[in-house]
Protein backbone atom coordinates (compact mmCIF):
# COMPACT_ATOMS: atom_id res chain seq x y z
CA MET A 1 27.94 -23.41 5.09
CA ARG A 2 28.25 -24.05 8.95
CA ARG A 3 26.12 -21.91 10.97
CA ARG A 4 28.92 -19.95 12.61
CA GLU A 5 30.18 -19.05 9.27
CA THR A 6 26.72 -18.04 8.12
CA VAL A 7 26.28 -15.89 11.08
CA LEU A 8 29.81 -14.30 10.65
CA PHE A 9 28.87 -13.45 6.99
CA TYR A 10 25.54 -11.97 8.06
CA ARG A 11 27.00 -9.57 10.57
CA LEU A 12 29.74 -8.35 8.20
CA ALA A 13 27.23 -8.22 5.10
CA LYS A 14 24.65 -6.40 7.17
CA GLY A 15 27.34 -3.92 8.92
CA VAL A 16 29.10 -3.03 5.60
CA ALA A 17 26.10 -3.20 3.19
CA GLY A 18 23.63 -1.99 5.51
CA GLY A 19 25.60 1.22 6.37
CA THR A 20 26.23 2.00 2.88
CA LEU A 21 22.58 1.47 1.82
CA ARG A 22 21.39 3.68 4.77
CA THR A 23 23.74 6.31 4.15
CA VAL A 24 23.29 6.56 0.47
CA TYR A 25 19.85 5.48 -0.13
CA GLN A 26 18.09 6.58 3.06
CA PRO A 27 15.20 4.11 2.94
CA TRP A 28 12.38 4.70 5.27
CA ILE A 29 10.15 2.58 6.99
CA ARG A 30 6.82 2.26 8.68
CA GLY A 31 5.49 -0.33 10.96
CA ALA A 32 8.71 -1.77 12.24
CA GLU A 33 7.01 -2.48 15.64
CA ASN A 34 4.92 -5.24 13.94
CA ILE A 35 8.03 -7.40 13.73
CA PRO A 36 8.08 -9.56 16.87
CA ALA A 37 11.50 -9.33 18.68
CA THR A 38 11.66 -13.18 18.89
CA GLY A 39 9.68 -16.22 17.41
CA PRO A 40 8.93 -17.60 13.82
CA ALA A 41 6.79 -15.45 11.38
CA ILE A 42 6.53 -15.53 7.60
CA LEU A 43 7.30 -11.94 6.12
CA ALA A 44 5.19 -11.96 2.86
CA GLY A 45 6.24 -9.12 0.46
CA ASN A 46 5.42 -7.68 -2.90
CA HIS A 47 8.25 -7.98 -5.23
CA LEU A 48 9.37 -5.03 -7.37
CA ALA A 49 13.21 -5.18 -7.89
CA VAL A 50 16.19 -7.33 -6.90
CA ILE A 51 17.22 -4.90 -4.01
CA ASP A 52 14.00 -5.73 -2.26
CA SER A 53 15.49 -8.36 0.05
CA PHE A 54 18.67 -6.16 0.59
CA PHE A 55 16.68 -3.37 1.88
CA LEU A 56 14.45 -5.79 4.04
CA GLY A 57 17.56 -7.08 5.61
CA VAL A 58 19.02 -3.59 6.42
CA MET A 59 15.89 -2.04 7.87
CA ILE A 60 14.69 -5.00 9.99
CA PRO A 61 16.85 -5.85 13.01
CA ARG A 62 16.32 -9.56 12.93
CA GLN A 63 18.13 -11.80 10.66
CA ILE A 64 15.88 -12.79 7.59
CA SER A 65 16.08 -16.20 5.46
CA PHE A 66 14.60 -15.71 1.94
CA LEU A 67 14.58 -17.65 -1.30
CA GLY A 68 16.75 -16.58 -4.22
CA LYS A 69 17.85 -17.89 -7.63
CA ALA A 70 20.67 -20.63 -7.01
CA ASP A 71 22.70 -18.76 -9.70
CA TYR A 72 23.57 -16.30 -6.82
CA VAL A 73 25.64 -19.07 -5.11
CA GLU A 74 27.03 -21.09 -7.95
CA GLY A 75 29.64 -18.77 -9.07
CA ARG A 76 33.18 -19.93 -9.62
CA GLY A 77 36.54 -18.53 -8.59
CA VAL A 78 37.31 -15.75 -6.04
CA LYS A 79 34.54 -13.40 -7.09
CA GLY A 80 32.02 -16.28 -7.04
CA ARG A 81 32.91 -17.65 -3.61
CA LEU A 82 32.62 -14.00 -2.23
CA VAL A 83 29.17 -13.32 -3.82
CA ALA A 84 27.95 -16.83 -2.60
CA GLY A 85 29.18 -16.23 1.00
CA PHE A 86 27.57 -12.78 1.03
CA MET A 87 24.35 -14.16 -0.36
CA ARG A 88 24.24 -16.79 2.05
CA GLY A 89 25.33 -14.51 4.84
CA ILE A 90 22.53 -12.26 4.33
CA GLY A 91 20.05 -15.15 4.53
CA LEU A 92 19.49 -16.45 1.08
CA VAL A 93 18.00 -20.20 0.57
CA PRO A 94 18.80 -21.08 -3.06
CA VAL A 95 16.11 -22.68 -5.19
CA ASP A 96 16.59 -24.05 -8.25
CA ARG A 97 13.96 -22.66 -10.79
CA ARG A 98 14.50 -25.25 -13.32
CA GLY A 99 12.55 -28.02 -11.56
CA GLY A 100 9.72 -28.20 -8.99
CA ALA A 101 11.33 -30.82 -6.64
CA ALA A 102 14.08 -28.08 -5.83
CA ALA A 103 11.45 -25.58 -5.23
CA VAL A 104 9.57 -27.75 -2.78
CA ALA A 105 13.09 -28.39 -0.99
CA ALA A 106 13.51 -24.80 -0.49
CA LEU A 107 10.16 -24.39 1.04
CA ARG A 108 11.01 -27.39 3.17
CA THR A 109 13.99 -25.39 4.23
CA GLY A 110 11.76 -22.57 5.11
CA LEU A 111 9.71 -24.86 7.27
CA GLU A 112 13.17 -25.81 9.17
CA VAL A 113 13.91 -21.85 9.50
CA LEU A 114 10.47 -21.10 11.32
CA GLU A 115 10.67 -24.42 13.31
CA GLY A 116 14.03 -22.79 14.48
CA GLY A 117 12.32 -19.57 15.59
CA GLY A 118 13.52 -17.49 12.49
CA LEU A 119 11.79 -15.07 10.23
CA PHE A 120 11.28 -16.43 6.57
CA CYS A 121 10.57 -14.21 3.58
CA LEU A 122 8.49 -15.23 0.91
CA TYR A 123 7.49 -13.07 -2.20
CA PRO A 124 3.94 -14.77 -3.08
CA GLU A 125 3.94 -13.19 -6.77
CA GLY A 126 6.77 -15.75 -7.36
CA THR A 127 8.93 -13.09 -9.51
CA ARG A 128 9.43 -9.57 -9.95
CA SER A 129 6.20 -7.50 -11.09
CA PRO A 130 6.89 -6.64 -14.76
CA ASP A 131 5.44 -3.27 -14.53
CA GLY A 132 5.06 -2.26 -10.88
CA ARG A 133 1.68 -3.62 -10.29
CA LEU A 134 0.55 -6.25 -7.87
CA TYR A 135 -0.09 -9.80 -9.21
CA ARG A 136 -1.85 -12.86 -8.31
CA GLY A 137 -0.29 -14.83 -5.37
CA LYS A 138 0.98 -18.36 -5.50
CA THR A 139 -0.30 -20.47 -2.66
CA GLY A 140 3.11 -21.62 -1.22
CA VAL A 141 3.03 -18.81 1.49
CA ALA A 142 -0.49 -20.28 2.65
CA ARG A 143 0.75 -23.82 2.70
CA LEU A 144 3.94 -22.79 4.75
CA ALA A 145 2.16 -20.65 7.25
CA LEU A 146 -0.44 -23.46 7.81
CA GLU A 147 2.10 -26.35 7.92
CA ALA A 148 4.13 -24.31 10.37
CA GLY A 149 1.48 -22.81 12.44
CA VAL A 150 3.00 -19.14 12.20
CA PRO A 151 1.66 -15.82 11.58
CA VAL A 152 2.11 -14.04 8.20
CA ILE A 153 3.49 -10.49 8.21
CA PRO A 154 2.40 -8.62 5.12
CA VAL A 155 5.59 -6.20 3.97
CA ALA A 156 5.00 -3.76 1.14
CA MET A 157 8.18 -2.22 -0.72
CA VAL A 158 7.61 1.16 -2.09
CA GLY A 159 9.61 2.54 -4.93
CA THR A 160 12.25 0.05 -5.32
CA ASP A 161 11.29 -0.49 -8.97
CA VAL A 162 11.77 3.10 -9.68
CA ALA A 163 15.17 3.00 -8.14
CA GLN A 164 16.26 -0.16 -9.84
CA PRO A 165 14.01 -0.97 -13.22
CA MET A 166 14.33 -4.23 -15.00
CA GLY A 167 17.77 -4.57 -16.28
CA LYS A 168 19.50 -1.97 -14.14
CA ARG A 169 22.32 -3.43 -11.77
CA ILE A 170 23.13 -0.30 -9.75
CA PRO A 171 20.04 1.30 -8.04
CA LYS A 172 19.16 4.92 -8.67
CA LEU A 173 19.03 7.52 -6.03
CA GLU A 174 15.22 7.47 -5.65
CA PRO A 175 12.91 7.26 -2.65
CA THR A 176 12.30 3.77 -1.42
CA GLY A 177 10.61 2.58 1.59
CA ILE A 178 9.11 -0.48 3.51
CA VAL A 179 5.52 -0.55 4.96
CA ILE A 180 4.95 -3.50 7.58
CA GLY A 181 1.45 -4.58 8.49
CA GLU A 182 0.06 -6.32 11.32
CA PRO A 183 0.71 -10.00 11.69
CA MET A 184 -1.93 -12.39 10.09
CA ASP A 185 -3.39 -15.28 12.21
CA PHE A 186 -4.63 -17.92 10.04
CA SER A 187 -4.75 -20.60 13.06
CA ALA A 188 -8.32 -21.09 12.29
CA HIS A 189 -7.25 -23.16 9.27
CA ALA A 190 -4.99 -25.40 11.10
CA GLY A 191 -4.66 -28.61 9.54
CA LYS A 192 -6.06 -27.66 6.09
CA GLN A 193 -2.81 -27.10 4.29
CA ASP A 194 -3.98 -29.45 1.60
CA ASP A 195 -7.21 -27.84 0.96
CA ARG A 196 -6.91 -25.89 -2.36
CA ASP A 197 -9.84 -23.54 -1.40
CA VAL A 198 -8.42 -22.66 1.76
CA LEU A 199 -4.89 -22.19 0.37
CA ARG A 200 -6.31 -19.67 -2.14
CA SER A 201 -8.46 -17.96 0.43
CA VAL A 202 -5.46 -17.38 2.61
CA THR A 203 -3.31 -16.41 -0.09
CA ASP A 204 -5.77 -13.80 -1.65
CA GLU A 205 -6.18 -12.27 1.82
CA VAL A 206 -2.37 -11.81 2.06
CA MET A 207 -2.36 -10.30 -1.19
CA TYR A 208 -5.29 -7.89 -0.19
CA GLN A 209 -3.30 -6.84 2.61
CA LEU A 210 -0.28 -6.20 0.38
CA MET A 211 -2.53 -4.12 -1.88
CA LEU A 212 -3.69 -2.04 1.13
CA LEU A 213 -0.22 -1.36 2.17
CA SER A 214 1.59 -0.75 -1.13
CA GLY A 215 -1.39 0.95 -2.99
CA GLN A 216 -0.62 -0.90 -5.99
CA GLU A 217 -2.98 -1.58 -8.98
CA TYR A 218 -3.85 -5.34 -8.68
CA VAL A 219 -4.01 -7.68 -11.61
CA ASP A 220 -5.38 -10.99 -11.16
CA VAL A 221 -2.81 -12.89 -13.37
CA TYR A 222 0.39 -14.56 -12.32
CA ALA A 223 3.50 -12.50 -12.77
CA ALA A 224 4.99 -14.96 -14.70
CA THR A 225 2.30 -15.44 -17.15
CA MET A 226 2.39 -11.68 -17.75
CA LYS A 227 6.09 -11.74 -18.36
CA ALA A 228 5.65 -14.63 -20.84
CA ARG A 229 3.05 -12.70 -22.77
CA LEU A 230 5.25 -9.58 -22.95
CA ALA A 231 8.29 -11.78 -24.14
CA SER A 232 6.16 -13.26 -26.92
CA GLY A 233 5.43 -9.72 -28.35
CA ALA A 234 1.88 -9.50 -27.16
CA PRO A 235 0.65 -6.38 -25.81
CA ALA A 236 0.29 -6.09 -22.23
CA PRO A 237 -3.40 -6.31 -21.21
CA SER A 238 -4.78 -4.18 -18.68
CA SER A 239 -6.59 -5.57 -15.53
CA GLU A 240 -10.29 -6.14 -16.26
CA SER A 241 -10.98 -3.18 -13.88
CA ASP A 242 -8.62 -0.61 -12.13
CA GLN A 243 -10.90 -1.60 -9.27
CA ALA A 244 -9.98 -5.09 -8.99
CA ALA A 245 -8.91 -6.67 -5.55
CA PRO A 246 -7.63 -10.02 -4.65
CA GLY A 247 -10.30 -12.68 -3.78
CA GLY A 248 -12.81 -10.89 -6.44
CA ARG A 249 -13.35 -8.16 -4.05
CA THR A 250 -13.34 -4.31 -4.96
CA ARG A 251 -10.41 -2.03 -4.37
CA PRO A 252 -11.21 0.30 -1.74
CA PRO A 253 -11.30 4.07 -3.07
CA GLY A 254 -8.42 6.30 -2.57
CA LEU A 255 -5.50 3.79 -2.61
CA VAL A 256 -2.20 5.38 -3.46
CA PRO A 257 1.33 4.41 -2.72
CA PRO A 258 2.62 5.67 0.58
CA GLY A 259 5.30 8.02 1.36
CA PRO A 260 7.74 8.33 4.13
CA PRO A 261 6.28 8.87 7.87
CA GLU A 262 6.18 12.44 8.99
CA GLU A 263 8.79 13.56 11.39
């Protein structure tokens, strides 16, 4: 899709969908001032529901590009084309989950977005949380940050899993919000995007900030692994400790999911 068409679809999607979501669901936001007015940055978010990207797109003034299933833009017929145009319009970069090569290509697209001065959103968990807890982050966010030399802004979604549980297409009228943390500078690790230890350390630091912002319990297992266990009929294991935190640290006491800002 040409850039002009993408911009037109974006403005249409944000105007129509944005007005509807704001009016009906009334999402709240904290830390919006942490989003730079210009310049490239990675938004790294926890992932609770399909609607996460929609609420981010509505509540953040700047256009965001984000990864999404290729299925969203592969529909046929009039309806399929409208859905594809809408999804591309709100910034979706399609990724084929059937193979690693396509995923790498999508990350390269993310690099292009950042080199063009844009905002690129990633969900380091790789898939939606199966139970509302925060899971181990994949290192793609760290690799992209170090290759592009841009800050990472942690973004915590709150309550979207309650509004849209697994399998529910239309969200319920439940309180939802976004907490945006301060930009994280990893320039000290410049040039080390092929160092596995550095990638894991950077990723764990991002996940730690997401835990602090969201108040979620942390599980040091990949979300996809947990989903596979659940699909096999195995009981869902609890985390080794409800005090676990990314990077082998201890969870600070008193963390709870935040609420809307006081007026």
